[in-house]
Protein backbone atom coordinates (compact mmCIF):
# COMPACT_ATOMS: atom_id res chain seq x y z
CA ALA A 1 33.38 -85.10 13.84
CA LYS A 2 36.64 -84.09 15.59
CA LYS A 3 36.24 -80.30 14.01
CA VAL A 4 32.39 -80.07 14.02
CA SER A 5 30.96 -81.83 16.24
CA ASN A 6 29.90 -80.81 19.97
CA ARG A 7 28.81 -84.63 21.11
CA VAL A 8 29.76 -88.03 19.52
CA ILE A 9 28.09 -91.09 19.63
CA PHE A 10 29.74 -94.48 18.55
CA MET A 11 27.49 -97.32 17.66
CA ASP A 12 28.72 -100.78 16.81
CA VAL A 13 27.67 -102.98 14.00
CA GLY A 14 24.32 -103.86 15.54
CA GLY A 15 23.42 -100.06 16.20
CA LYS A 16 24.00 -100.50 20.10
CA ILE A 17 25.46 -97.29 21.27
CA LEU A 18 29.03 -98.02 23.10
CA GLU A 19 29.76 -93.92 23.24
CA ASP A 20 27.98 -90.86 23.96
CA CYS A 21 30.53 -88.17 25.30
CA THR A 22 31.73 -84.92 23.95
CA ARG A 23 33.84 -84.49 21.30
CA ASP A 24 36.54 -83.50 23.89
CA ASP A 25 36.18 -86.85 25.92
CA PHE A 26 36.01 -88.78 22.90
CA PHE A 27 39.07 -87.81 21.15
CA GLY A 28 41.07 -86.30 24.10
CA HIS A 29 41.03 -89.47 26.50
CA PRO A 30 41.14 -92.60 24.01
CA GLU A 31 42.22 -94.65 26.85
CA ALA A 32 38.91 -94.17 28.65
CA ARG A 33 37.06 -95.42 26.19
CA GLN A 34 35.43 -99.01 25.42
CA PRO A 35 37.73 -101.79 23.47
CA ARG A 36 36.06 -101.75 20.34
CA THR A 37 35.92 -97.69 20.25
CA LYS A 38 39.85 -97.86 21.30
CA ASP A 39 40.71 -99.94 18.39
CA PHE A 40 38.69 -97.49 15.84
CA LEU A 41 40.29 -94.29 17.46
CA ASP A 42 43.68 -96.27 16.86
CA LYS A 43 43.30 -96.60 13.29
CA ILE A 44 41.96 -93.03 12.73
CA LEU A 45 43.86 -91.08 14.35
CA GLN A 46 47.20 -92.46 13.08
CA HIS A 47 46.20 -90.34 9.92
């Protein structure tokens, strides 16, 4: 998603949209994301 998307939609397990933003906002400002999103980003951005 980081390399090929223009927009990122992040949903929780129930399908509720937690984030709907540009790729740059989503990956460039993880501190501004919802707690669930930040947890996810902390895990994937380490790799």
